[in-house]
N, C-alpha and C. Protein backbone atom coordinates (compact mmCIF):
# COMPACT_ATOMS: atom_id res chain seq x y z
N MET A 1 135.19 189.05 236.98
CA MET A 1 135.96 190.23 237.00
C MET A 1 135.69 191.12 235.76
N ASP A 2 135.30 192.21 235.93
CA ASP A 2 134.94 193.18 234.79
C ASP A 2 136.26 193.91 234.44
N ARG A 3 136.87 193.44 233.47
CA ARG A 3 138.30 193.96 233.11
C ARG A 3 138.14 195.39 232.73
N ASP A 4 137.27 195.81 231.87
CA ASP A 4 137.18 197.14 231.41
C ASP A 4 136.81 198.15 232.67
N ARG A 5 135.94 197.66 233.51
CA ARG A 5 135.60 198.51 234.67
C ARG A 5 136.84 198.61 235.55
N LEU A 6 137.63 197.60 235.81
CA LEU A 6 138.80 197.64 236.66
C LEU A 6 139.73 198.68 236.02
N GLU A 7 140.02 198.54 234.73
CA GLU A 7 140.94 199.46 234.01
C GLU A 7 140.48 200.86 234.30
N THR A 8 139.25 201.14 234.06
CA THR A 8 138.69 202.50 234.35
C THR A 8 138.95 202.95 235.71
N ARG A 9 138.60 202.14 236.76
CA ARG A 9 138.89 202.47 238.16
C ARG A 9 140.31 202.61 238.52
N LEU A 10 141.22 201.85 237.80
CA LEU A 10 142.70 202.06 238.08
C LEU A 10 143.20 203.46 237.62
N VAL A 11 142.66 203.93 236.48
CA VAL A 11 143.09 205.13 235.95
C VAL A 11 142.54 206.25 236.89
N GLU A 12 141.29 206.16 237.27
CA GLU A 12 140.66 207.14 238.11
C GLU A 12 141.15 207.10 239.50
N ARG A 13 141.46 206.15 240.11
CA ARG A 13 141.75 206.03 241.55
C ARG A 13 143.29 206.41 241.71
N PHE A 14 144.20 205.89 240.79
CA PHE A 14 145.56 205.92 240.89
C PHE A 14 146.20 206.90 239.93
N ASP A 15 145.39 207.59 239.13
CA ASP A 15 145.95 208.51 238.18
C ASP A 15 147.01 207.83 237.24
N ALA A 16 146.57 206.56 236.94
CA ALA A 16 147.54 205.62 236.18
C ALA A 16 147.48 205.96 234.66
N VAL A 17 148.55 205.71 233.99
CA VAL A 17 148.57 205.87 232.55
C VAL A 17 147.72 204.73 232.04
N PRO A 18 147.00 204.97 230.94
CA PRO A 18 146.06 203.97 230.47
C PRO A 18 146.87 202.57 230.10
N ARG A 19 147.92 202.74 229.59
CA ARG A 19 148.68 201.41 229.27
C ARG A 19 148.98 200.53 230.44
N ALA A 20 149.41 201.23 231.54
CA ALA A 20 149.73 200.52 232.75
C ALA A 20 148.30 199.92 233.39
N ALA A 21 147.34 200.70 233.28
CA ALA A 21 145.97 200.22 233.78
C ALA A 21 145.53 198.93 232.96
N ARG A 22 145.78 199.11 231.67
CA ARG A 22 145.33 198.01 230.82
C ARG A 22 146.16 196.62 231.18
N VAL A 23 147.41 196.81 231.36
CA VAL A 23 148.29 195.64 231.70
C VAL A 23 147.93 195.07 232.93
N VAL A 24 147.76 195.91 234.13
CA VAL A 24 147.40 195.45 235.45
C VAL A 24 146.00 194.76 235.30
N ALA A 25 145.00 195.44 234.68
CA ALA A 25 143.69 194.94 234.58
C ALA A 25 143.67 193.48 233.84
N ARG A 26 144.60 193.30 232.91
CA ARG A 26 144.72 191.98 232.20
C ARG A 26 145.31 191.00 233.14
N GLN A 27 146.21 191.36 233.89
CA GLN A 27 146.79 190.37 234.78
C GLN A 27 145.81 190.04 235.94
N ALA A 28 145.05 190.97 236.42
CA ALA A 28 144.02 190.70 237.38
C ALA A 28 143.00 189.80 236.87
N THR A 29 142.69 189.93 235.64
CA THR A 29 141.69 189.08 234.97
C THR A 29 142.21 187.70 234.83
N ASP A 30 143.50 187.56 234.42
CA ASP A 30 144.18 186.29 234.39
C ASP A 30 144.24 185.53 235.65
N LEU A 31 144.51 186.39 236.85
CA LEU A 31 144.48 185.92 238.21
C LEU A 31 143.10 185.31 238.65
N ASP A 32 142.08 186.07 238.24
CA ASP A 32 140.79 185.72 238.50
C ASP A 32 140.46 184.38 237.69
N ASP A 33 140.76 184.35 236.45
CA ASP A 33 140.49 183.18 235.68
C ASP A 33 141.18 181.94 236.18
N ALA A 34 142.31 182.07 236.70
CA ALA A 34 143.15 180.99 237.24
C ALA A 34 142.42 180.42 238.62
N GLY A 35 141.60 181.22 239.19
CA GLY A 35 140.96 180.80 240.44
C GLY A 35 141.80 180.67 241.62
N ARG A 36 143.02 181.09 241.57
CA ARG A 36 143.91 181.07 242.73
C ARG A 36 143.46 181.94 243.83
N TYR A 37 142.98 183.23 243.70
CA TYR A 37 142.57 183.90 244.71
C TYR A 37 141.42 183.48 245.32
N GLU A 38 140.42 183.03 244.53
CA GLU A 38 139.16 182.47 245.30
C GLU A 38 139.39 181.22 245.90
N ARG A 39 140.35 180.32 245.59
CA ARG A 39 140.72 179.21 246.33
C ARG A 39 141.22 179.62 247.63
N ASP A 40 142.30 180.63 247.61
CA ASP A 40 142.81 180.80 248.79
C ASP A 40 142.09 181.73 249.93
N PHE A 41 141.14 182.50 249.32
CA PHE A 41 140.39 183.42 250.15
C PHE A 41 138.89 183.06 250.22
N ASP A 42 138.55 182.15 249.57
CA ASP A 42 137.07 181.63 249.59
C ASP A 42 136.11 182.80 249.21
N ALA A 43 136.62 183.60 248.20
CA ALA A 43 135.76 184.74 247.72
C ALA A 43 136.25 185.08 246.38
N PRO A 44 135.37 185.54 245.50
CA PRO A 44 135.82 185.90 244.19
C PRO A 44 136.62 187.21 244.19
N LEU A 45 137.60 187.27 243.24
CA LEU A 45 138.35 188.48 243.16
C LEU A 45 137.55 189.52 242.44
N THR A 46 137.36 190.65 243.07
CA THR A 46 136.43 191.76 242.47
C THR A 46 137.33 193.00 242.13
N VAL A 47 136.69 193.88 241.46
CA VAL A 47 137.35 195.14 241.12
C VAL A 47 137.64 195.92 242.54
N GLU A 48 136.63 195.84 243.30
CA GLU A 48 136.79 196.48 244.62
C GLU A 48 137.83 195.94 245.49
N ILE A 49 138.06 194.65 245.43
CA ILE A 49 139.13 194.06 246.28
C ILE A 49 140.56 194.43 245.71
N VAL A 50 140.63 194.47 244.29
CA VAL A 50 141.88 194.84 243.73
C VAL A 50 142.20 196.29 244.14
N VAL A 51 141.20 197.20 243.84
CA VAL A 51 141.59 198.64 244.07
C VAL A 51 141.86 198.91 245.62
N ALA A 52 141.10 198.19 246.45
CA ALA A 52 141.27 198.36 247.96
C ALA A 52 142.75 197.95 248.36
N ASN A 53 143.11 196.89 247.78
CA ASN A 53 144.42 196.34 248.27
C ASN A 53 145.60 197.21 247.59
N LEU A 54 145.37 197.64 246.46
CA LEU A 54 146.43 198.50 245.78
C LEU A 54 146.49 199.94 246.45
N ALA A 55 145.34 200.27 247.04
CA ALA A 55 145.32 201.61 247.79
C ALA A 55 146.22 201.53 249.13
N ASP A 56 146.40 200.29 249.56
CA ASP A 56 147.24 200.14 250.80
C ASP A 56 148.88 200.41 250.47
N ALA A 57 149.15 200.33 249.31
CA ALA A 57 150.66 200.42 249.04
C ALA A 57 151.02 201.91 249.08
N PRO A 58 152.33 202.17 249.31
CA PRO A 58 152.84 203.59 249.57
C PRO A 58 152.24 204.56 248.46
N ASP A 59 151.93 205.63 248.88
CA ASP A 59 151.30 206.64 247.88
C ASP A 59 152.09 207.05 246.70
N GLU A 60 153.45 207.09 246.97
CA GLU A 60 154.33 207.56 245.85
C GLU A 60 154.53 206.49 244.89
N TRP A 61 154.11 205.35 244.99
CA TRP A 61 154.26 204.20 244.12
C TRP A 61 153.29 204.46 242.90
N ASP A 62 153.74 204.03 241.75
CA ASP A 62 152.86 204.00 240.57
C ASP A 62 152.08 202.70 240.53
N LEU A 63 151.11 202.50 239.59
CA LEU A 63 150.23 201.38 239.50
C LEU A 63 150.88 199.97 239.46
N VAL A 64 152.01 199.95 238.64
CA VAL A 64 152.59 198.76 238.41
C VAL A 64 153.34 198.37 239.84
N GLU A 65 153.94 199.26 240.49
CA GLU A 65 154.67 199.02 241.72
C GLU A 65 153.60 198.63 242.71
N ARG A 66 152.45 199.27 242.72
CA ARG A 66 151.41 198.80 243.74
C ARG A 66 150.92 197.29 243.43
N TRP A 67 150.70 197.12 242.15
CA TRP A 67 150.22 195.67 241.87
C TRP A 67 151.30 194.68 242.17
N ASN A 68 152.59 194.95 241.89
CA ASN A 68 153.64 193.93 242.22
C ASN A 68 153.81 193.87 243.79
N TRP A 69 153.67 194.93 244.56
CA TRP A 69 153.66 194.86 245.97
C TRP A 69 152.58 193.99 246.57
N TRP A 70 151.34 194.20 246.00
CA TRP A 70 150.23 193.32 246.56
C TRP A 70 150.49 191.81 246.17
N LEU A 71 150.90 191.56 244.91
CA LEU A 71 151.22 190.21 244.48
C LEU A 71 152.34 189.57 245.40
N GLY A 72 153.28 190.34 245.74
CA GLY A 72 154.41 190.01 246.52
C GLY A 72 153.88 189.47 247.89
N ALA A 73 152.96 190.29 248.49
CA ALA A 73 152.34 189.90 249.78
C ALA A 73 151.67 188.55 249.64
N LEU A 74 150.75 188.54 248.53
CA LEU A 74 150.09 187.22 248.33
C LEU A 74 151.02 186.07 248.13
N GLU A 75 152.07 186.35 247.45
CA GLU A 75 153.11 185.21 247.23
C GLU A 75 153.67 184.79 248.44
N LEU A 76 154.04 185.70 249.41
CA LEU A 76 154.64 185.35 250.63
C LEU A 76 153.57 184.59 251.55
N SER A 77 152.33 184.94 251.55
CA SER A 77 151.35 184.42 252.38
C SER A 77 150.83 183.19 251.88
N HIS A 78 150.74 182.99 250.60
CA HIS A 78 150.04 181.78 250.07
C HIS A 78 150.78 181.13 248.94
N GLY A 79 151.68 181.70 248.32
CA GLY A 79 152.45 181.14 247.13
C GLY A 79 151.58 181.05 245.86
N GLY A 80 152.35 181.12 244.72
CA GLY A 80 151.58 180.78 243.52
C GLY A 80 151.14 182.13 242.82
N TYR A 81 151.58 183.30 243.30
CA TYR A 81 151.11 184.53 242.66
C TYR A 81 152.13 185.26 241.79
N SER A 82 153.43 184.84 241.91
CA SER A 82 154.55 185.59 241.16
C SER A 82 154.22 185.63 239.73
N GLN A 83 153.72 184.66 239.20
CA GLN A 83 153.36 184.56 237.62
C GLN A 83 152.53 185.60 237.23
N PHE A 84 151.74 186.41 238.05
CA PHE A 84 150.92 187.43 237.74
C PHE A 84 151.58 188.87 237.85
N GLY A 85 152.79 188.86 238.07
CA GLY A 85 153.49 190.11 238.11
C GLY A 85 153.64 190.78 236.90
N VAL A 86 154.02 192.12 236.91
CA VAL A 86 154.12 192.88 235.78
C VAL A 86 155.64 193.43 235.83
N ARG A 87 156.32 193.32 234.75
CA ARG A 87 157.68 193.81 234.58
C ARG A 87 157.50 195.35 234.35
N HIS A 88 158.04 196.16 235.24
CA HIS A 88 157.89 197.56 235.07
C HIS A 88 158.41 198.12 233.67
N GLY A 89 159.36 197.58 233.14
CA GLY A 89 159.99 198.14 231.90
C GLY A 89 159.12 197.72 230.76
N GLY A 90 158.21 196.84 230.89
CA GLY A 90 157.22 196.31 229.73
C GLY A 90 156.07 197.21 229.71
N VAL A 91 155.90 198.20 230.58
CA VAL A 91 154.71 199.09 230.54
C VAL A 91 155.01 200.42 229.98
């Protein structure tokens, strides 16, 4: 996972504030480092996968809401993802 590339793509694609993009990119990197996504989906977590899944969230949601929405779906389907969520007030 290229954290800097992800952060840049998040700002570009979702018009995210840099601080939110930095926090989400850090959490995505932690998720990748944990190996949880790769174990569950038999594929590495990539910048493209993160951006594509966040794009599926409602358009009016900000980046943190999109990230937490995707993690919520992963939590429901596989478990073990809630620890990678982002508190909205902390961004």
